[in-house]
Amino acid sequence: MSHAVLTVSGDTMIKMKKAYQKHLSPKTPPGGVFAAKLTGCTITAYQSGKVLFQGVSAAEEAGKWGSPAPGKPVQKVSKAPSIFSPPPNIAELSIVGSDEVGTGDFFGPMTVTAAYVKKEQLGLLKEIGVKDSKNLNDDQISAIAKDLLHIIPYSLLILHNPKYNELQKQGMSQGKMKALLHNKAISNLLEKIKPDVPEGILIDQFAEPGVYYNYLKSAPPFKSQTYFSTKAEGIHLAVAAASIISRYSFVKEFEKLSKSAGMILPKGAGPKVDQAAAKLIKKHGKDYLAAFTKEHFANTQKARKLAGL
């Protein structure tokens, strides 16, 4: 897959966002202005003024707006080193899997779980319904999680909103937070299951392996037999189990927040979220949101505007 990078002015970026209006993605990465997906090309614009074009049509699409910066011609994006790719038989192995929930939700914490599933337990987990949590509703997740908590060893970490906001204001990106939490959950679990040694560690990939390990400069990582893959929930039940436990915890924490807020808080980061946040501001003041939300999300400004601030 080829890519091209342009540096554009603020006016040009506004024009680009307008031009790609019909192709905008609902989620924008940290530090991003917009993301759009076209046939053959994905476009991501950042607050720094850089715009990344990726895909077979990257050069053609970038050419509509300018030329790549000198010394940075369209080139091939290197793939993750093969040592990080899961082996073909990973679904049959005893694996520690990790996954997180809540990163795209304005309200609520971020929950990260590492779970250890032995090969002998794979059949049992299938019987109780463990699978990709995206295919399960909250009631199903709750029922399955209550069984899982007594069947497999796991490590669950919850990053509550006040601490999340504190770290973000100190300059830590959400990506680094996730890397540190995944690493800590895995570390805790490896200690818990000793003397057992898993046949591998599988992380649901949210960053390239090199970027992930760069985030962990201040923390000892586990590189040995550690694999990364997107959609890892469908590759090994350990990741699916970790996702279910993370989701279960997230829902429970969400219920607590709703109770504290005195209203049912909506999930996600859409218009209903803005309206709920504006309601809380009107009732309790603008500073009230810090304990309930990820303040750097665009929803904060939208809610304040709705609240008349």
Protein backbone atom coordinates (compact mmCIF):
# COMPACT_ATOMS: atom_id res chain seq x y z
CA MET A 1 0.00 0.00 0.00
CA SER A 2 1.48 3.39 -1.01
CA HIS A 3 1.16 6.66 0.84
CA ALA A 4 1.79 10.37 0.40
CA VAL A 5 2.05 13.20 2.91
CA LEU A 6 1.16 16.85 2.24
CA THR A 7 1.53 19.89 4.46
CA VAL A 8 -1.33 22.30 3.80
CA SER A 9 -2.65 25.61 5.13
CA GLY A 10 -5.66 25.90 7.42
CA ASP A 11 -7.77 27.23 4.55
CA THR A 12 -6.82 24.31 2.33
CA MET A 13 -7.66 21.83 5.08
CA ILE A 14 -11.12 23.39 5.45
CA LYS A 15 -11.63 23.05 1.70
CA MET A 16 -10.46 19.42 1.83
CA LYS A 17 -12.86 18.56 4.65
CA LYS A 18 -15.71 20.12 2.68
CA ALA A 19 -14.70 18.25 -0.48
CA TYR A 20 -14.68 14.92 1.36
CA GLN A 21 -17.84 15.65 3.36
CA LYS A 22 -19.70 12.60 2.00
CA HIS A 23 -16.80 10.30 2.85
CA LEU A 24 -15.96 11.46 6.39
CA SER A 25 -15.40 8.78 9.01
CA PRO A 26 -17.28 9.07 12.34
CA LYS A 27 -14.06 8.72 14.32
CA THR A 28 -11.04 11.04 14.15
CA PRO A 29 -7.66 9.99 15.60
CA PRO A 30 -6.08 11.97 18.47
CA GLY A 31 -4.71 15.22 17.06
CA GLY A 32 -6.76 14.82 13.93
CA VAL A 33 -9.02 17.27 12.12
CA PHE A 34 -10.87 14.74 9.99
CA ALA A 35 -10.58 11.29 8.44
CA ALA A 36 -12.19 10.20 5.19
CA LYS A 37 -12.36 6.91 3.33
CA LEU A 38 -12.62 6.81 -0.45
CA THR A 39 -12.40 3.87 -2.81
CA GLY A 40 -8.70 3.10 -2.98
CA CYS A 41 -7.61 5.81 -0.55
CA THR A 42 -7.90 6.73 3.14
CA ILE A 43 -7.21 10.34 4.10
CA THR A 44 -6.29 11.58 7.57
CA ALA A 45 -5.75 15.29 8.30
CA TYR A 46 -3.96 16.44 11.44
CA GLN A 47 -3.91 19.69 13.41
CA SER A 48 -0.22 20.03 12.54
CA GLY A 49 -1.25 20.72 8.94
CA LYS A 50 -0.10 17.36 7.64
CA VAL A 51 -2.47 15.24 5.57
CA LEU A 52 -1.77 11.53 5.08
CA PHE A 53 -3.06 9.70 2.00
CA GLN A 54 -2.93 5.88 2.11
CA GLY A 55 -3.95 3.31 -0.48
CA VAL A 56 -3.51 2.40 -4.12
CA SER A 57 -4.87 5.82 -5.18
CA ALA A 58 -2.82 7.82 -2.65
CA ALA A 59 -0.59 9.56 -5.21
CA GLU A 60 -3.49 10.44 -7.49
CA GLU A 61 -5.64 11.81 -4.66
CA ALA A 62 -2.79 13.76 -3.06
CA GLY A 63 -1.96 15.25 -6.46
CA LYS A 64 -5.30 17.05 -6.43
CA TRP A 65 -4.09 19.17 -3.53
CA GLY A 66 -0.36 19.52 -4.09
CA SER A 67 2.92 17.64 -4.20
CA PRO A 68 4.46 15.54 -1.40
CA ALA A 69 7.05 17.34 0.71
CA PRO A 70 10.59 17.28 -0.76
CA GLY A 71 12.38 14.08 0.08
CA LYS A 72 9.12 12.34 0.91
CA PRO A 73 7.89 10.82 -2.33
CA VAL A 74 5.07 8.33 -2.49
CA GLN A 75 6.46 5.11 -1.10
CA LYS A 76 5.47 1.72 0.17
CA VAL A 77 4.27 1.48 3.74
CA SER A 78 6.27 -1.19 5.47
CA LYS A 79 4.28 -4.03 6.96
CA ALA A 80 4.63 -5.08 10.57
CA PRO A 81 7.62 -7.38 11.05
CA SER A 82 6.64 -11.01 10.58
CA ILE A 83 7.81 -11.82 14.13
CA PHE A 84 4.72 -9.96 15.37
CA SER A 85 2.26 -11.81 13.11
CA PRO A 86 0.29 -14.59 14.86
CA PRO A 87 1.28 -18.12 13.81
CA PRO A 88 -1.24 -20.04 11.67
CA ASN A 89 -2.15 -22.36 14.56
CA ILE A 90 -2.58 -19.66 17.22
CA ALA A 91 -6.29 -20.46 17.67
CA GLU A 92 -5.25 -23.86 19.09
CA LEU A 93 -2.67 -22.56 21.57
CA SER A 94 -2.76 -21.49 25.23
CA ILE A 95 -2.72 -17.72 24.90
CA VAL A 96 -2.87 -14.50 26.92
CA GLY A 97 -5.06 -12.07 24.99
CA SER A 98 -5.71 -8.40 25.69
CA ASP A 99 -8.31 -5.89 24.53
CA GLU A 100 -9.80 -2.56 25.62
CA VAL A 101 -13.19 -0.86 25.64
CA GLY A 102 -14.32 2.74 26.03
CA THR A 103 -11.73 4.60 23.99
CA GLY A 104 -14.33 6.11 21.65
CA ASP A 105 -16.93 6.95 24.30
CA PHE A 106 -17.17 10.51 25.63
CA PHE A 107 -18.78 9.36 28.87
CA GLY A 108 -17.24 6.57 30.90
CA PRO A 109 -13.80 5.15 31.62
CA MET A 110 -11.39 3.11 29.54
CA THR A 111 -11.23 -0.56 30.58
CA VAL A 112 -8.42 -2.94 29.59
CA THR A 113 -8.31 -6.67 30.25
CA ALA A 114 -5.75 -9.41 29.73
CA ALA A 115 -7.18 -12.96 29.88
CA TYR A 116 -5.46 -16.34 29.83
CA VAL A 117 -7.18 -19.19 28.03
CA LYS A 118 -5.59 -22.63 27.96
CA LYS A 119 -6.06 -24.84 24.93
CA GLU A 120 -8.01 -27.28 27.12
CA GLN A 121 -10.57 -24.54 27.86
CA LEU A 122 -11.33 -23.52 24.27
CA GLY A 123 -14.26 -25.93 23.96
CA LEU A 124 -15.80 -24.77 27.23
CA LEU A 125 -15.55 -21.11 26.27
CA LYS A 126 -17.28 -21.81 22.98
CA GLU A 127 -20.06 -23.61 24.84
CA ILE A 128 -20.77 -20.65 27.13
CA GLY A 129 -20.94 -18.35 24.10
CA VAL A 130 -17.58 -16.57 24.02
CA LYS A 131 -17.09 -14.85 20.66
CA ASP A 132 -16.47 -11.41 19.20
CA SER A 133 -18.17 -9.01 21.65
CA LYS A 134 -19.32 -6.83 18.75
CA ASN A 135 -21.81 -9.59 17.98
CA LEU A 136 -23.21 -9.61 21.52
CA ASN A 137 -25.57 -7.19 23.28
CA ASP A 138 -24.96 -5.94 26.82
CA ASP A 139 -27.28 -8.55 28.41
CA GLN A 140 -25.46 -11.39 26.64
CA ILE A 141 -22.09 -9.95 27.61
CA SER A 142 -23.17 -9.70 31.25
CA ALA A 143 -24.32 -13.33 31.34
CA ILE A 144 -21.16 -14.66 29.67
CA ALA A 145 -18.82 -12.46 31.73
CA LYS A 146 -20.27 -13.71 35.02
CA ASP A 147 -19.25 -17.23 33.98
CA LEU A 148 -15.87 -16.17 32.60
CA LEU A 149 -14.84 -14.45 35.82
CA HIS A 150 -14.88 -17.85 37.56
CA ILE A 151 -13.37 -19.90 34.72
CA ILE A 152 -10.25 -18.10 33.53
CA PRO A 153 -7.54 -15.98 35.16
CA TYR A 154 -7.58 -12.35 34.08
CA SER A 155 -6.32 -8.89 34.95
CA LEU A 156 -8.70 -5.93 34.61
CA LEU A 157 -7.60 -2.29 34.74
CA ILE A 158 -9.96 0.71 34.77
CA LEU A 159 -8.77 4.19 33.84
CA HIS A 160 -11.39 6.51 35.34
CA ASN A 161 -12.17 9.86 33.76
CA PRO A 162 -10.39 12.15 36.29
CA LYS A 163 -7.09 10.27 35.87
CA TYR A 164 -7.59 10.00 32.08
CA ASN A 165 -8.07 13.78 31.86
CA GLU A 166 -5.06 14.42 34.10
CA LEU A 167 -2.79 12.28 31.90
CA GLN A 168 -4.16 13.83 28.71
CA LYS A 169 -3.51 17.35 30.00
CA GLN A 170 0.05 16.31 30.82
CA GLY A 171 0.51 15.53 27.13
CA MET A 172 -0.05 11.77 27.10
CA SER A 173 -1.90 10.52 24.03
CA GLN A 174 -4.70 8.01 24.25
CA GLY A 175 -2.52 5.59 22.29
CA LYS A 176 0.19 5.70 24.97
CA MET A 177 -2.41 5.25 27.71
CA LYS A 178 -3.69 2.13 25.97
CA ALA A 179 -0.18 0.73 25.49
CA LEU A 180 0.72 1.23 29.15
CA LEU A 181 -2.56 -0.32 30.31
CA HIS A 182 -2.26 -3.33 28.01
CA ASN A 183 1.32 -3.87 29.14
CA LYS A 184 0.41 -3.57 32.83
CA ALA A 185 -2.59 -5.90 32.53
CA ILE A 186 -0.45 -8.51 30.75
CA SER A 187 2.32 -8.12 33.34
CA ASN A 188 -0.14 -8.58 36.21
CA LEU A 189 -1.64 -11.65 34.60
CA LEU A 190 1.71 -13.30 33.87
CA GLU A 191 2.54 -12.96 37.57
CA LYS A 192 -0.86 -14.34 38.54
CA ILE A 193 -0.60 -17.51 36.42
CA LYS A 194 2.95 -18.47 37.42
CA PRO A 195 4.41 -21.07 37.09
CA ASP A 196 2.26 -21.47 33.94
CA VAL A 197 3.80 -19.92 30.85
CA PRO A 198 1.49 -19.10 27.92
CA GLU A 199 2.45 -20.18 24.42
CA GLY A 200 2.02 -16.62 23.27
CA ILE A 201 0.55 -13.18 23.93
CA LEU A 202 -1.94 -11.71 21.46
CA ILE A 203 -2.78 -7.98 21.57
CA ASP A 204 -5.72 -6.57 19.68
CA GLN A 205 -3.72 -4.14 17.56
CA PHE A 206 -4.40 -0.42 17.95
CA ALA A 207 -0.92 0.72 16.85
CA GLU A 208 1.99 -0.65 14.84
CA PRO A 209 4.25 -2.85 17.02
CA GLY A 210 7.12 -0.36 16.76
CA VAL A 211 4.89 2.46 17.95
CA TYR A 212 3.51 0.29 20.76
CA TYR A 213 6.98 -0.51 22.08
CA ASN A 214 8.06 3.11 21.71
CA TYR A 215 5.24 4.03 24.10
CA LEU A 216 6.70 1.60 26.63
CA LYS A 217 10.16 3.14 26.96
CA SER A 218 9.57 3.65 30.67
CA ALA A 219 7.93 0.24 31.22
CA PRO A 220 9.37 -3.25 30.69
CA PRO A 221 7.56 -4.81 27.69
CA PHE A 222 7.04 -8.48 26.91
CA LYS A 223 8.45 -8.95 23.42
CA SER A 224 8.94 -12.69 23.55
CA GLN A 225 6.21 -14.48 21.58
CA THR A 226 4.05 -11.36 21.57
CA TYR A 227 1.79 -10.99 18.54
CA PHE A 228 -0.34 -8.16 17.21
CA SER A 229 -3.40 -8.38 15.00
CA THR A 230 -6.42 -6.28 14.16
CA LYS A 231 -9.74 -8.03 14.78
CA ALA A 232 -7.91 -10.34 17.17
CA GLU A 233 -11.20 -11.30 18.84
CA GLY A 234 -11.84 -13.52 15.84
CA ILE A 235 -8.36 -15.06 15.97
CA HIS A 236 -8.26 -16.40 19.54
CA LEU A 237 -10.88 -16.77 22.25
CA ALA A 238 -8.50 -15.24 24.81
CA VAL A 239 -8.90 -11.84 23.14
CA ALA A 240 -12.65 -12.38 22.79
CA ALA A 241 -12.84 -13.20 26.51
CA ALA A 242 -10.74 -10.14 27.38
CA SER A 243 -13.06 -7.97 25.30
CA ILE A 244 -16.16 -9.37 27.00
CA ILE A 245 -14.75 -8.77 30.48
CA SER A 246 -13.68 -5.25 29.50
CA ARG A 247 -17.12 -4.52 28.08
CA TYR A 248 -18.85 -5.96 31.14
CA SER A 249 -16.76 -3.75 33.43
CA PHE A 250 -17.34 -0.72 31.21
CA VAL A 251 -21.11 -1.21 31.32
CA LYS A 252 -21.05 -1.58 35.14
CA GLU A 253 -18.98 1.60 35.49
CA PHE A 254 -21.32 3.36 33.07
CA GLU A 255 -24.29 2.43 35.23
CA LYS A 256 -22.54 3.93 38.28
CA LEU A 257 -21.88 7.17 36.38
CA SER A 258 -25.49 7.36 35.21
CA LYS A 259 -26.64 6.94 38.81
CA SER A 260 -24.28 9.70 39.97
CA ALA A 261 -25.43 11.97 37.15
CA GLY A 262 -29.08 11.32 37.95
CA MET A 263 -29.83 10.44 34.33
CA ILE A 264 -29.15 7.69 31.79
CA LEU A 265 -25.94 8.62 30.00
CA PRO A 266 -25.71 7.65 26.31
CA LYS A 267 -22.72 5.74 24.95
CA GLY A 268 -20.61 6.77 22.00
CA ALA A 269 -19.81 10.32 20.91
CA GLY A 270 -22.80 11.41 18.82
CA PRO A 271 -25.42 14.19 19.08
CA LYS A 272 -27.29 12.46 21.94
CA VAL A 273 -24.08 12.58 23.94
CA ASP A 274 -23.73 16.32 23.30
CA GLN A 275 -27.30 16.91 24.48
CA ALA A 276 -26.81 14.84 27.65
CA ALA A 277 -23.58 16.66 28.47
CA ALA A 278 -25.25 20.05 27.90
CA LYS A 279 -28.01 19.03 30.31
CA LEU A 280 -25.42 18.22 32.98
CA ILE A 281 -23.66 21.55 32.42
CA LYS A 282 -26.91 23.48 32.79
CA LYS A 283 -27.71 21.62 35.99
CA HIS A 284 -24.29 21.50 37.67
CA GLY A 285 -21.91 23.85 35.80
CA LYS A 286 -19.22 23.38 33.15
CA ASP A 287 -16.63 21.84 35.53
CA TYR A 288 -18.98 19.01 36.45
CA LEU A 289 -18.16 17.03 33.28
CA ALA A 290 -14.56 16.29 34.26
CA ALA A 291 -15.56 13.31 36.42
CA PHE A 292 -17.78 11.82 33.73
CA THR A 293 -16.10 12.46 30.38
CA LYS A 294 -12.94 12.50 28.30
CA GLU A 295 -12.66 16.26 28.21
CA HIS A 296 -10.49 16.60 25.11
CA PHE A 297 -13.21 15.11 22.88
CA ALA A 298 -14.95 17.61 20.59
CA ASN A 299 -18.17 16.81 22.46
CA THR A 300 -17.07 19.12 25.29
CA GLN A 301 -17.19 22.24 23.14
CA LYS A 302 -20.39 21.12 21.42
CA ALA A 303 -22.07 20.57 24.80
CA ARG A 304 -20.95 23.97 26.09
CA LYS A 305 -22.35 25.62 22.98
CA LEU A 306 -25.68 23.82 23.46
CA ALA A 307 -25.66 24.93 27.09
CA GLY A 308 -25.22 28.53 25.97
CA LEU A 309 -21.67 28.99 27.24
